[in-house]
Amino acid sequence: MGDQAIQADVLQQLYATEVKLASFFGHFGFTFSPIALLGDVDSPGIDNLPSLAPVTTLTATYTAVGVPVTDAYTGIKLWDLLTDAGGVTVTSGKNDILSKYVVATGSDGYKAVFSLGEINPNFGAQPVTVAYSDIGGQLGPQGSDGLARMIVPGDQAGGRYVSDLLDLDVKSLPEPGPTGSGGISDHLSLSGQVADPGIVTPQTLAALNQSTTETATYTSGAGQVTDTYKGVSLWTLIQDAGLLTDPSIKNDLLRYGVVATGSDGYRVFISLGEIDPAFGNQPDLVAYADTGGQLGPGGPDGALRLIVPGDHAGGRYVSNLVSLEVINAAGGHQS
C-alpha cells in the first residue's frame, strides 16, 4: 500500500472514531463537531466547532451532479475561525497575508484550496463558512455530509463544499519571498502547471481575441480609485496555456492556485476555485489597458496588471506584473 493510501486509510479511521463519539455525546444533548486547525496559525489545535463564536447562519444554493440544492447552515466563518486561533502567522512583508491559503481536507482525502485574500474582510470578504449543522439534515452523526462541511456561498457548483471535513491546514508560499528591483515591466512569464508556458505581452493578450472590460472600484493608499480596464480573464489565460491536472483526482483543479508577482517581488496567491466559472466565477483580469492611464507607455502600473473586481482594498491588484505561476498548492509549491 502506498503512502497516500495509508494516509487516506488513517484519516478515514480517525474520522469514523469522531463520528462514533459525536453519536455518543448526542445522547446527552452535547453537539460534538471537531475540526483540526493546522499550520501557520498562532494556536493550532483541535476545536469543537459549536463552542466557537461568532456563530453565523446562512442559506446557500449550489448544484450537485447538475441538481440544484438549497440548504440553511449554522457554523463559523473561516476567517473568524482563524482569528479565534490567534490569527495567521505572517512576516513583515507587505500584505503577506495575501501569500497564505487554507487547504480543506475531507475524511476521504478530497481537498480544496482557499486563498486568504478571498476571505479576508479587507479584500475579497467572501463569507466562506465551516458549518456543523443544517436544516436539511445532511450534517451530524447520521448526516451524509458528516460532522462539518465547507460552505461557499455564491459558488455555482458544490465542488468546494468539502464534506466530512477533517482538517484545515494554513499554508504559505515559500519564504522568504522573491525580491526585485521594481520598475516598469513590459511583459510577464506564465509558468508552472501549464502545457504551454511562455511570455505574455499586451500584444499576445490582444491576439487571443478574448478581451473583456471591467470597471472596478477599490481603495488604495491614495484613497478610492475607480478605473475601467481591458484585458483577458485570468481563467481564460490559464486555460489557453493548457492547465495540467490529474484526471484521476476528483476536481483536482481545486487544489491549484496562481502566484502573481510584481517587478518588486510583491506577490499574491489566487486559488483556481475562486476564478473557475464552474465555482467562484470571480472575473479576475490580466489587464493591458485602462481609461485612467495607469497602464501602457508612461503608466506607473506597467504593461500588465492583475485586476480583482469586487475586492475592497487593492492589495491583490498586482502592478508591473512579471510572473504568473500555476501551482498545486495542496501538494506544495512546484517550480
C-alpha atoms as a PDB file:
ATOM      1  CA  MET A   1       0.000   0.000   0.000  1.00  0.00           C
ATOM      2  CA  GLY A   2       1.422   3.410  -0.991  1.00  0.00           C
ATOM      3  CA  ASP A   3       1.957   6.317   1.402  1.00  0.00           C
ATOM      4  CA  GLN A   4      -1.102   8.194   0.111  1.00  0.00           C
ATOM      5  CA  ALA A   5      -3.312   5.136   0.511  1.00  0.00           C
ATOM      6  CA  ILE A   6      -2.037   4.602   4.058  1.00  0.00           C
ATOM      7  CA  GLN A   7      -2.670   8.239   4.922  1.00  0.00           C
ATOM      8  CA  ALA A   8      -6.198   8.073   3.492  1.00  0.00           C
ATOM      9  CA  ASP A   9      -6.905   4.913   5.498  1.00  0.00           C
ATOM     10  CA  VAL A  10      -5.701   6.547   8.722  1.00  0.00           C
ATOM     11  CA  LEU A  11      -7.828   9.636   8.054  1.00  0.00           C
ATOM     12  CA  GLN A  12     -10.922   7.522   7.479  1.00  0.00           C
ATOM     13  CA  GLN A  13     -10.341   5.524  10.680  1.00  0.00           C
ATOM     14  CA  LEU A  14      -9.822   8.695  12.684  1.00  0.00           C
ATOM     15  CA  TYR A  15     -12.956  10.251  11.260  1.00  0.00           C
ATOM     16  CA  ALA A  16     -15.009   7.117  11.938  1.00  0.00           C
ATOM     17  CA  THR A  17     -13.982   7.403  15.584  1.00  0.00           C
ATOM     18  CA  GLU A  18     -15.039  11.064  15.681  1.00  0.00           C
ATOM     19  CA  VAL A  19     -18.458  10.169  14.263  1.00  0.00           C
ATOM     20  CA  LYS A  20     -18.944   7.488  16.927  1.00  0.00           C
ATOM     21  CA  LEU A  21     -18.020   9.972  19.645  1.00  0.00           C
ATOM     22  CA  ALA A  22     -20.418  12.543  18.197  1.00  0.00           C
ATOM     23  CA  SER A  23     -23.223   9.995  18.240  1.00  0.00           C
ATOM     24  CA  PHE A  24     -22.410   9.060  21.844  1.00  0.00           C
ATOM     25  CA  PHE A  25     -22.307  12.651  23.070  1.00  0.00           C
ATOM     26  CA  GLY A  26     -25.504  13.383  21.181  1.00  0.00           C
ATOM     27  CA  HIS A  27     -27.420  11.076  23.527  1.00  0.00           C
ATOM     28  CA  PHE A  28     -26.578  13.532  26.306  1.00  0.00           C
ATOM     29  CA  GLY A  29     -27.558  16.632  24.329  1.00  0.00           C
ATOM     30  CA  PHE A  30     -23.973  17.641  23.556  1.00  0.00           C
ATOM     31  CA  THR A  31     -23.029  18.533  19.979  1.00  0.00           C
ATOM     32  CA  PHE A  32     -19.570  17.284  19.065  1.00  0.00           C
ATOM     33  CA  SER A  33     -18.139  18.532  15.775  1.00  0.00           C
ATOM     34  CA  PRO A  34     -14.330  18.601  15.956  1.00  0.00           C
ATOM     35  CA  ILE A  35     -12.026  20.241  13.450  1.00  0.00           C
ATOM     36  CA  ALA A  36      -8.236  20.164  13.408  1.00  0.00           C
ATOM     37  CA  LEU A  37      -6.687  23.536  12.596  1.00  0.00           C
ATOM     38  CA  LEU A  38      -3.100  23.120  11.462  1.00  0.00           C
ATOM     39  CA  GLY A  39      -0.203  25.096  10.033  1.00  0.00           C
ATOM     40  CA  ASP A  40       0.560  28.803  10.128  1.00  0.00           C
ATOM     41  CA  VAL A  41      -1.760  29.990  12.895  1.00  0.00           C
ATOM     42  CA  ASP A  42      -0.826  31.275  16.327  1.00  0.00           C
ATOM     43  CA  SER A  43      -2.630  28.471  18.184  1.00  0.00           C
ATOM     44  CA  PRO A  44      -3.106  25.324  16.092  1.00  0.00           C
ATOM     45  CA  GLY A  45      -5.136  22.515  17.620  1.00  0.00           C
ATOM     46  CA  ILE A  46      -8.490  20.733  17.665  1.00  0.00           C
ATOM     47  CA  ASP A  47     -11.642  22.741  18.332  1.00  0.00           C
ATOM     48  CA  ASN A  48     -15.257  21.742  18.818  1.00  0.00           C
ATOM     49  CA  LEU A  49     -16.990  23.982  16.281  1.00  0.00           C
ATOM     50  CA  PRO A  50     -20.243  24.580  18.246  1.00  0.00           C
ATOM     51  CA  SER A  51     -18.173  26.089  21.089  1.00  0.00           C
ATOM     52  CA  LEU A  52     -16.721  28.822  18.880  1.00  0.00           C
ATOM     53  CA  ALA A  53     -18.005  32.338  18.246  1.00  0.00           C
ATOM     54  CA  PRO A  54     -19.284  34.323  16.477  1.00  0.00           C
ATOM     55  CA  VAL A  55     -21.882  31.937  15.134  1.00  0.00           C
ATOM     56  CA  THR A  56     -23.131  32.603  11.628  1.00  0.00           C
ATOM     57  CA  THR A  57     -26.223  31.330   9.807  1.00  0.00           C
ATOM     58  CA  LEU A  58     -26.659  31.453   6.058  1.00  0.00           C
ATOM     59  CA  THR A  59     -28.600  29.936   3.183  1.00  0.00           C
ATOM     60  CA  ALA A  60     -26.730  28.712   0.126  1.00  0.00           C
ATOM     61  CA  THR A  61     -27.704  27.263  -3.246  1.00  0.00           C
ATOM     62  CA  TYR A  62     -25.395  25.218  -5.463  1.00  0.00           C
ATOM     63  CA  THR A  63     -25.577  22.353  -7.926  1.00  0.00           C
ATOM     64  CA  ALA A  64     -24.622  18.776  -7.093  1.00  0.00           C
ATOM     65  CA  VAL A  65     -24.434  16.400 -10.070  1.00  0.00           C
ATOM     66  CA  GLY A  66     -26.352  19.042 -12.003  1.00  0.00           C
ATOM     67  CA  VAL A  67     -29.206  19.237  -9.485  1.00  0.00           C
ATOM     68  CA  PRO A  68     -29.834  22.499  -7.565  1.00  0.00           C
ATOM     69  CA  VAL A  69     -29.529  22.175  -3.788  1.00  0.00           C
ATOM     70  CA  THR A  70     -30.608  24.808  -1.244  1.00  0.00           C
ATOM     71  CA  ASP A  71     -29.976  24.479   2.477  1.00  0.00           C
ATOM     72  CA  ALA A  72     -29.604  26.686   5.563  1.00  0.00           C
ATOM     73  CA  TYR A  73     -26.434  26.229   7.619  1.00  0.00           C
ATOM     74  CA  THR A  74     -25.048  27.163  11.026  1.00  0.00           C
ATOM     75  CA  GLY A  75     -21.328  27.455  11.649  1.00  0.00           C
ATOM     76  CA  ILE A  76     -18.431  29.880  11.893  1.00  0.00           C
ATOM     77  CA  LYS A  77     -16.866  31.851   9.066  1.00  0.00           C
ATOM     78  CA  LEU A  78     -13.460  30.537   8.075  1.00  0.00           C
ATOM     79  CA  TRP A  79     -11.895  33.953   8.686  1.00  0.00           C
ATOM     80  CA  ASP A  80     -13.402  34.084  12.197  1.00  0.00           C
ATOM     81  CA  LEU A  81     -12.130  30.568  12.898  1.00  0.00           C
ATOM     82  CA  LEU A  82      -8.593  31.654  12.002  1.00  0.00           C
ATOM     83  CA  THR A  83      -8.976  34.774  14.142  1.00  0.00           C
ATOM     84  CA  ASP A  84     -10.166  32.660  17.082  1.00  0.00           C
ATOM     85  CA  ALA A  85      -6.919  30.682  16.759  1.00  0.00           C
ATOM     86  CA  GLY A  86      -4.903  33.865  17.296  1.00  0.00           C
ATOM     87  CA  GLY A  87      -4.677  34.796  13.643  1.00  0.00           C
ATOM     88  CA  VAL A  88      -2.470  33.701  10.788  1.00  0.00           C
ATOM     89  CA  THR A  89       1.300  33.877  11.191  1.00  0.00           C
ATOM     90  CA  VAL A  90       2.700  36.499   8.825  1.00  0.00           C
ATOM     91  CA  THR A  91       6.045  38.117   8.087  1.00  0.00           C
ATOM     92  CA  SER A  92       6.817  41.823   7.873  1.00  0.00           C
ATOM     93  CA  GLY A  93       6.384  41.712   4.086  1.00  0.00           C
ATOM     94  CA  LYS A  94       3.735  43.987   2.588  1.00  0.00           C
ATOM     95  CA  ASN A  95       0.304  42.312   2.709  1.00  0.00           C
ATOM     96  CA  ASP A  96       1.976  38.981   3.496  1.00  0.00           C
ATOM     97  CA  ILE A  97      -1.469  37.608   4.397  1.00  0.00           C
ATOM     98  CA  LEU A  98      -2.170  37.523   0.647  1.00  0.00           C
ATOM     99  CA  SER A  99       0.503  34.838   0.162  1.00  0.00           C
ATOM    100  CA  LYS A 100      -1.347  32.464   2.520  1.00  0.00           C
ATOM    101  CA  TYR A 101      -4.038  29.904   1.839  1.00  0.00           C
ATOM    102  CA  VAL A 102      -6.039  27.158   3.551  1.00  0.00           C
ATOM    103  CA  VAL A 103      -6.233  23.540   2.420  1.00  0.00           C
ATOM    104  CA  ALA A 104      -9.539  21.938   3.485  1.00  0.00           C
ATOM    105  CA  THR A 105      -9.386  18.127   3.612  1.00  0.00           C
ATOM    106  CA  GLY A 106     -12.233  15.644   3.928  1.00  0.00           C
ATOM    107  CA  SER A 107     -12.035  12.225   5.541  1.00  0.00           C
ATOM    108  CA  ASP A 108     -11.655  10.626   2.098  1.00  0.00           C
ATOM    109  CA  GLY A 109      -8.668  12.832   1.213  1.00  0.00           C
ATOM    110  CA  TYR A 110     -10.691  15.190  -1.017  1.00  0.00           C
ATOM    111  CA  LYS A 111      -9.143  18.675  -0.929  1.00  0.00           C
ATOM    112  CA  ALA A 112      -9.977  22.244  -1.868  1.00  0.00           C
ATOM    113  CA  VAL A 113      -7.798  25.339  -1.507  1.00  0.00           C
ATOM    114  CA  PHE A 114      -8.989  28.764  -0.347  1.00  0.00           C
ATOM    115  CA  SER A 115      -6.835  31.876  -0.640  1.00  0.00           C
ATOM    116  CA  LEU A 116      -6.860  34.140   2.404  1.00  0.00           C
ATOM    117  CA  GLY A 117      -7.289  37.082   0.056  1.00  0.00           C
ATOM    118  CA  GLU A 118     -10.676  35.674  -0.905  1.00  0.00           C
ATOM    119  CA  ILE A 119     -11.970  35.551   2.687  1.00  0.00           C
ATOM    120  CA  ASN A 120     -10.126  38.475   4.301  1.00  0.00           C
ATOM    121  CA  PRO A 121     -12.703  41.221   5.093  1.00  0.00           C
ATOM    122  CA  ASN A 122     -10.289  43.856   3.776  1.00  0.00           C
ATOM    123  CA  PHE A 123     -10.099  42.219   0.353  1.00  0.00           C
ATOM    124  CA  GLY A 124     -12.498  39.601  -1.095  1.00  0.00           C
ATOM    125  CA  ALA A 125     -14.606  39.345   2.092  1.00  0.00           C
ATOM    126  CA  GLN A 126     -16.299  36.143   0.899  1.00  0.00           C
ATOM    127  CA  PRO A 127     -18.257  34.509   3.777  1.00  0.00           C
ATOM    128  CA  VAL A 128     -16.795  31.020   3.357  1.00  0.00           C
ATOM    129  CA  THR A 129     -18.113  29.114   6.368  1.00  0.00           C
ATOM    130  CA  VAL A 130     -17.306  25.951   8.301  1.00  0.00           C
ATOM    131  CA  ALA A 131     -20.770  24.558   9.095  1.00  0.00           C
ATOM    132  CA  TYR A 132     -21.685  21.992  11.747  1.00  0.00           C
ATOM    133  CA  SER A 133     -25.490  21.879  11.418  1.00  0.00           C
ATOM    134  CA  ASP A 134     -28.133  22.460   8.759  1.00  0.00           C
ATOM    135  CA  ILE A 135     -31.885  22.469   8.248  1.00  0.00           C
ATOM    136  CA  GLY A 136     -31.751  19.717   5.612  1.00  0.00           C
ATOM    137  CA  GLY A 137     -30.271  17.125   7.982  1.00  0.00           C
ATOM    138  CA  GLN A 138     -27.145  16.488   5.940  1.00  0.00           C
ATOM    139  CA  LEU A 139     -24.819  17.332   8.839  1.00  0.00           C
ATOM    140  CA  GLY A 140     -24.432  15.468  12.118  1.00  0.00           C
ATOM    141  CA  PRO A 141     -23.549  11.881  13.148  1.00  0.00           C
ATOM    142  CA  GLN A 142     -26.285  10.444  10.902  1.00  0.00           C
ATOM    143  CA  GLY A 143     -25.943  13.011   8.114  1.00  0.00           C
ATOM    144  CA  SER A 144     -24.495  12.120   4.734  1.00  0.00           C
ATOM    145  CA  ASP A 145     -22.150  15.143   4.789  1.00  0.00           C
ATOM    146  CA  GLY A 146     -20.577  14.355   8.152  1.00  0.00           C
ATOM    147  CA  LEU A 147     -19.891  16.407  11.249  1.00  0.00           C
ATOM    148  CA  ALA A 148     -18.634  19.507   9.445  1.00  0.00           C
ATOM    149  CA  ARG A 149     -18.625  20.881   5.926  1.00  0.00           C
ATOM    150  CA  MET A 150     -17.221  23.835   3.996  1.00  0.00           C
ATOM    151  CA  ILE A 151     -19.951  26.166   2.707  1.00  0.00           C
ATOM    152  CA  VAL A 152     -19.072  28.566  -0.125  1.00  0.00           C
ATOM    153  CA  PRO A 153     -21.994  30.928  -0.825  1.00  0.00           C
ATOM    154  CA  GLY A 154     -22.091  32.112  -4.403  1.00  0.00           C
ATOM    155  CA  ASP A 155     -20.258  29.152  -5.927  1.00  0.00           C
ATOM    156  CA  GLN A 156     -22.125  27.682  -8.890  1.00  0.00           C
ATOM    157  CA  ALA A 157     -21.260  24.023  -8.253  1.00  0.00           C
ATOM    158  CA  GLY A 158     -20.583  22.378  -4.913  1.00  0.00           C
ATOM    159  CA  GLY A 159     -17.006  21.239  -5.505  1.00  0.00           C
ATOM    160  CA  ARG A 160     -15.594  23.453  -2.758  1.00  0.00           C
ATOM    161  CA  TYR A 161     -18.255  22.274  -0.294  1.00  0.00           C
ATOM    162  CA  VAL A 162     -15.851  19.789   1.308  1.00  0.00           C
ATOM    163  CA  SER A 163     -17.944  17.273   3.252  1.00  0.00           C
ATOM    164  CA  ASP A 164     -16.841  15.091   6.186  1.00  0.00           C
ATOM    165  CA  LEU A 165     -14.355  17.872   6.914  1.00  0.00           C
ATOM    166  CA  LEU A 166     -11.393  16.607   8.902  1.00  0.00           C
ATOM    167  CA  ASP A 167      -8.838  19.410   8.987  1.00  0.00           C
ATOM    168  CA  LEU A 168      -7.912  22.884   7.794  1.00  0.00           C
ATOM    169  CA  ASP A 169      -4.224  23.476   7.104  1.00  0.00           C
ATOM    170  CA  VAL A 170      -2.986  27.065   6.784  1.00  0.00           C
ATOM    171  CA  LYS A 171      -0.067  27.224   4.385  1.00  0.00           C
ATOM    172  CA  SER A 172       2.233  29.848   2.916  1.00  0.00           C
ATOM    173  CA  LEU A 173       4.131  30.334  -0.284  1.00  0.00           C
ATOM    174  CA  PRO A 174       7.842  29.635   0.285  1.00  0.00           C
ATOM    175  CA  GLU A 175       9.601  32.166   2.499  1.00  0.00           C
ATOM    176  CA  PRO A 176      11.458  34.370   2.035  1.00  0.00           C
ATOM    177  CA  GLY A 177       9.578  35.610  -0.990  1.00  0.00           C
ATOM    178  CA  PRO A 178      11.225  36.804  -4.179  1.00  0.00           C
ATOM    179  CA  THR A 179      12.977  40.143  -4.369  1.00  0.00           C
ATOM    180  CA  GLY A 180      13.039  42.522  -7.287  1.00  0.00           C
ATOM    181  CA  SER A 181      14.372  45.909  -8.224  1.00  0.00           C
ATOM    182  CA  GLY A 182      10.927  47.192  -9.101  1.00  0.00           C
ATOM    183  CA  GLY A 183      10.381  49.456 -12.057  1.00  0.00           C
ATOM    184  CA  ILE A 184       8.226  49.272 -15.136  1.00  0.00           C
ATOM    185  CA  SER A 185       7.667  45.824 -16.676  1.00  0.00           C
ATOM    186  CA  ASP A 186       6.667  45.241 -20.294  1.00  0.00           C
ATOM    187  CA  HIS A 187       5.839  41.509 -20.150  1.00  0.00           C
ATOM    188  CA  LEU A 188       5.250  38.583 -17.811  1.00  0.00           C
ATOM    189  CA  SER A 189       6.195  34.919 -17.797  1.00  0.00           C
ATOM    190  CA  LEU A 190       3.465  32.285 -17.478  1.00  0.00           C
ATOM    191  CA  SER A 191       4.858  29.098 -15.924  1.00  0.00           C
ATOM    192  CA  GLY A 192       4.151  26.148 -13.668  1.00  0.00           C
ATOM    193  CA  GLN A 193       1.449  23.560 -14.225  1.00  0.00           C
ATOM    194  CA  VAL A 194       0.562  24.529 -17.791  1.00  0.00           C
ATOM    195  CA  ALA A 195       1.303  22.715 -21.038  1.00  0.00           C
ATOM    196  CA  ASP A 196       2.370  25.836 -22.910  1.00  0.00           C
ATOM    197  CA  PRO A 197       4.351  28.201 -20.680  1.00  0.00           C
ATOM    198  CA  GLY A 198       5.746  31.355 -22.213  1.00  0.00           C
ATOM    199  CA  ILE A 199       5.978  35.128 -22.364  1.00  0.00           C
ATOM    200  CA  VAL A 200       2.809  37.231 -22.230  1.00  0.00           C
ATOM    201  CA  THR A 201       2.646  40.797 -23.548  1.00  0.00           C
ATOM    202  CA  PRO A 202      -0.189  43.215 -24.278  1.00  0.00           C
ATOM    203  CA  GLN A 203       0.129  42.169 -27.915  1.00  0.00           C
ATOM    204  CA  THR A 204      -0.201  38.441 -27.203  1.00  0.00           C
ATOM    205  CA  LEU A 205      -3.210  39.069 -24.974  1.00  0.00           C
ATOM    206  CA  ALA A 206      -4.945  41.169 -27.629  1.00  0.00           C
ATOM    207  CA  ALA A 207      -4.199  38.462 -30.216  1.00  0.00           C
ATOM    208  CA  LEU A 208      -6.257  35.933 -28.209  1.00  0.00           C
ATOM    209  CA  ASN A 209      -9.374  37.850 -29.311  1.00  0.00           C
ATOM    210  CA  GLN A 210     -10.944  37.213 -25.903  1.00  0.00           C
ATOM    211  CA  SER A 211     -10.525  40.628 -24.340  1.00  0.00           C
ATOM    212  CA  THR A 212     -13.165  41.961 -21.964  1.00  0.00           C
ATOM    213  CA  THR A 213     -13.596  45.162 -19.976  1.00  0.00           C
ATOM    214  CA  GLU A 214     -14.195  45.539 -16.242  1.00  0.00           C
ATOM    215  CA  THR A 215     -14.865  48.690 -14.250  1.00  0.00           C
ATOM    216  CA  ALA A 216     -13.523  48.291 -10.740  1.00  0.00           C
ATOM    217  CA  THR A 217     -13.501  50.416  -7.596  1.00  0.00           C
ATOM    218  CA  TYR A 218     -11.095  49.813  -4.718  1.00  0.00           C
ATOM    219  CA  THR A 219      -9.209  51.690  -2.020  1.00  0.00           C
ATOM    220  CA  SER A 220      -5.502  52.408  -2.209  1.00  0.00           C
ATOM    221  CA  GLY A 221      -3.094  54.471  -0.136  1.00  0.00           C
ATOM    222  CA  ALA A 222      -4.265  57.490  -2.114  1.00  0.00           C
ATOM    223  CA  GLY A 223      -7.957  56.848  -1.415  1.00  0.00           C
ATOM    224  CA  GLN A 224     -10.755  55.405  -3.547  1.00  0.00           C
ATOM    225  CA  VAL A 225      -9.903  54.515  -7.133  1.00  0.00           C
ATOM    226  CA  THR A 226     -12.303  53.744  -9.995  1.00  0.00           C
ATOM    227  CA  ASP A 227     -10.976  52.718 -13.391  1.00  0.00           C
ATOM    228  CA  THR A 228     -12.085  50.729 -16.420  1.00  0.00           C
ATOM    229  CA  TYR A 229      -9.700  48.029 -17.567  1.00  0.00           C
ATOM    230  CA  LYS A 230      -9.324  45.995 -20.744  1.00  0.00           C
ATOM    231  CA  GLY A 231      -7.677  42.598 -20.706  1.00  0.00           C
ATOM    232  CA  VAL A 232      -8.105  38.823 -20.690  1.00  0.00           C
ATOM    233  CA  SER A 233      -9.569  36.940 -17.752  1.00  0.00           C
ATOM    234  CA  LEU A 234      -7.005  35.115 -15.663  1.00  0.00           C
ATOM    235  CA  TRP A 235      -9.022  31.917 -16.083  1.00  0.00           C
ATOM    236  CA  THR A 236      -9.044  32.243 -19.890  1.00  0.00           C
ATOM    237  CA  LEU A 237      -5.292  32.867 -19.987  1.00  0.00           C
ATOM    238  CA  ILE A 238      -4.583  29.740 -17.932  1.00  0.00           C
ATOM    239  CA  GLN A 239      -6.962  27.623 -19.985  1.00  0.00           C
ATOM    240  CA  ASP A 240      -5.378  28.864 -23.195  1.00  0.00           C
ATOM    241  CA  ALA A 241      -1.987  27.716 -21.874  1.00  0.00           C
ATOM    242  CA  GLY A 242      -3.367  24.248 -21.051  1.00  0.00           C
ATOM    243  CA  LEU A 243      -3.851  23.677 -17.315  1.00  0.00           C
ATOM    244  CA  LEU A 244      -2.191  20.400 -16.252  1.00  0.00           C
ATOM    245  CA  THR A 245      -4.183  18.445 -13.670  1.00  0.00           C
ATOM    246  CA  ASP A 246      -4.564  14.796 -12.704  1.00  0.00           C
ATOM    247  CA  PRO A 247      -7.795  13.426 -14.234  1.00  0.00           C
ATOM    248  CA  SER A 248      -7.784  10.558 -11.721  1.00  0.00           C
ATOM    249  CA  ILE A 249      -8.360  13.017  -8.846  1.00  0.00           C
ATOM    250  CA  LYS A 250     -11.867  14.399  -8.456  1.00  0.00           C
ATOM    251  CA  ASN A 251     -11.914  18.176  -9.038  1.00  0.00           C
ATOM    252  CA  ASP A 252      -8.126  18.217  -8.948  1.00  0.00           C
ATOM    253  CA  LEU A 253      -8.022  21.850 -10.121  1.00  0.00           C
ATOM    254  CA  LEU A 254      -9.473  22.897  -6.743  1.00  0.00           C
ATOM    255  CA  ARG A 255      -6.052  22.054  -5.285  1.00  0.00           C
ATOM    256  CA  TYR A 256      -4.387  24.596  -7.564  1.00  0.00           C
ATOM    257  CA  GLY A 257      -3.706  28.305  -7.485  1.00  0.00           C
ATOM    258  CA  VAL A 258      -1.813  31.090  -9.234  1.00  0.00           C
ATOM    259  CA  VAL A 259       1.054  33.098  -7.761  1.00  0.00           C
ATOM    260  CA  ALA A 260       1.062  36.607  -9.234  1.00  0.00           C
ATOM    261  CA  THR A 261       4.338  38.505  -8.731  1.00  0.00           C
ATOM    262  CA  GLY A 262       5.259  42.110  -9.473  1.00  0.00           C
ATOM    263  CA  SER A 263       8.622  43.527 -10.513  1.00  0.00           C
ATOM    264  CA  ASP A 264       9.427  44.440  -6.886  1.00  0.00           C
ATOM    265  CA  GLY A 265       8.777  40.892  -5.629  1.00  0.00           C
ATOM    266  CA  TYR A 266       5.295  41.682  -4.284  1.00  0.00           C
ATOM    267  CA  ARG A 267       3.124  38.574  -4.636  1.00  0.00           C
ATOM    268  CA  VAL A 268      -0.379  37.281  -4.038  1.00  0.00           C
ATOM    269  CA  PHE A 269      -1.993  33.841  -4.255  1.00  0.00           C
ATOM    270  CA  ILE A 270      -5.298  33.280  -6.095  1.00  0.00           C
ATOM    271  CA  SER A 271      -6.989  29.874  -5.905  1.00  0.00           C
ATOM    272  CA  LEU A 272      -8.311  28.391  -9.151  1.00  0.00           C
ATOM    273  CA  GLY A 273     -11.577  27.553  -7.415  1.00  0.00           C
ATOM    274  CA  GLU A 274     -12.126  31.260  -6.904  1.00  0.00           C
ATOM    275  CA  ILE A 275     -11.889  32.090 -10.625  1.00  0.00           C
ATOM    276  CA  ASP A 276     -13.226  28.918 -12.281  1.00  0.00           C
ATOM    277  CA  PRO A 277     -16.626  29.775 -13.849  1.00  0.00           C
ATOM    278  CA  ALA A 278     -17.981  26.472 -12.539  1.00  0.00           C
ATOM    279  CA  PHE A 279     -17.240  27.506  -8.945  1.00  0.00           C
ATOM    280  CA  GLY A 280     -16.413  31.015  -7.665  1.00  0.00           C
ATOM    281  CA  ASN A 281     -16.527  32.643 -11.113  1.00  0.00           C
ATOM    282  CA  GLN A 282     -14.536  35.670  -9.900  1.00  0.00           C
ATOM    283  CA  PRO A 283     -13.730  37.733 -13.055  1.00  0.00           C
ATOM    284  CA  ASP A 284     -10.054  38.434 -12.278  1.00  0.00           C
ATOM    285  CA  LEU A 285      -8.434  40.150 -15.228  1.00  0.00           C
ATOM    286  CA  VAL A 286      -4.911  40.410 -16.625  1.00  0.00           C
ATOM    287  CA  ALA A 287      -5.287  43.969 -17.862  1.00  0.00           C
ATOM    288  CA  TYR A 288      -3.205  45.611 -20.573  1.00  0.00           C
ATOM    289  CA  ALA A 289      -5.084  48.909 -20.972  1.00  0.00           C
ATOM    290  CA  ASP A 290      -7.203  51.253 -18.888  1.00  0.00           C
ATOM    291  CA  THR A 291      -9.040  54.552 -19.221  1.00  0.00           C
ATOM    292  CA  GLY A 292      -7.166  56.123 -16.309  1.00  0.00           C
ATOM    293  CA  GLY A 293      -3.752  55.967 -17.939  1.00  0.00           C
ATOM    294  CA  GLN A 294      -2.138  53.774 -15.289  1.00  0.00           C
ATOM    295  CA  LEU A 295      -1.206  51.081 -17.812  1.00  0.00           C
ATOM    296  CA  GLY A 296       0.817  51.256 -21.012  1.00  0.00           C
ATOM    297  CA  PRO A 297       3.610  53.613 -22.103  1.00  0.00           C
ATOM    298  CA  GLY A 298       4.284  56.086 -19.330  1.00  0.00           C
ATOM    299  CA  GLY A 299       1.846  54.424 -16.927  1.00  0.00           C
ATOM    300  CA  PRO A 300       3.162  53.695 -13.405  1.00  0.00           C
ATOM    301  CA  ASP A 301       1.497  50.243 -13.253  1.00  0.00           C
ATOM    302  CA  GLY A 302       3.443  48.831 -16.203  1.00  0.00           C
ATOM    303  CA  ALA A 303       2.232  46.967 -19.234  1.00  0.00           C
ATOM    304  CA  LEU A 304       0.209  44.370 -17.331  1.00  0.00           C
ATOM    305  CA  ARG A 305      -1.695  44.386 -14.053  1.00  0.00           C
ATOM    306  CA  LEU A 306      -3.813  41.850 -12.168  1.00  0.00           C
ATOM    307  CA  ILE A 307      -7.306  43.247 -11.510  1.00  0.00           C
ATOM    308  CA  VAL A 308      -9.617  41.704  -8.894  1.00  0.00           C
ATOM    309  CA  PRO A 309     -13.087  43.273  -9.256  1.00  0.00           C
ATOM    310  CA  GLY A 310     -15.099  43.282  -6.042  1.00  0.00           C
ATOM    311  CA  ASP A 311     -12.146  43.453  -3.639  1.00  0.00           C
ATOM    312  CA  HIS A 312     -12.479  46.315  -1.151  1.00  0.00           C
ATOM    313  CA  ALA A 313      -8.779  47.196  -0.970  1.00  0.00           C
ATOM    314  CA  GLY A 314      -6.362  46.979  -3.891  1.00  0.00           C
ATOM    315  CA  GLY A 315      -3.831  44.609  -2.332  1.00  0.00           C
ATOM    316  CA  ARG A 316      -4.465  41.904  -4.908  1.00  0.00           C
ATOM    317  CA  TYR A 317      -4.133  44.363  -7.795  1.00  0.00           C
ATOM    318  CA  VAL A 318      -0.546  43.384  -8.647  1.00  0.00           C
ATOM    319  CA  SER A 319       1.054  46.128 -10.750  1.00  0.00           C
ATOM    320  CA  ASN A 320       4.067  45.734 -13.036  1.00  0.00           C
ATOM    321  CA  LEU A 321       3.176  42.058 -13.295  1.00  0.00           C
ATOM    322  CA  VAL A 322       6.210  39.936 -14.205  1.00  0.00           C
ATOM    323  CA  SER A 323       5.120  36.395 -13.353  1.00  0.00           C
ATOM    324  CA  LEU A 324       2.084  34.138 -13.153  1.00  0.00           C
ATOM    325  CA  GLU A 325       2.948  30.680 -11.827  1.00  0.00           C
ATOM    326  CA  VAL A 326       0.314  27.938 -11.594  1.00  0.00           C
ATOM    327  CA  ILE A 327       0.992  25.623  -8.643  1.00  0.00           C
ATOM    328  CA  ASN A 328      -0.507  22.589  -6.944  1.00  0.00           C
ATOM    329  CA  ALA A 329      -0.978  24.326  -3.610  1.00  0.00           C
ATOM    330  CA  ALA A 330      -2.300  21.296  -1.747  1.00  0.00           C
ATOM    331  CA  GLY A 331       0.761  19.320  -2.766  1.00  0.00           C
ATOM    332  CA  GLY A 332       3.281  22.086  -2.138  1.00  0.00           C
ATOM    333  CA  HIS A 333       4.934  24.717  -4.285  1.00  0.00           C
ATOM    334  CA  GLN A 334       6.391  23.439  -7.533  1.00  0.00           C
ATOM    335  CA  SER A 335       8.947  25.350  -9.566  1.00  0.00           C
END
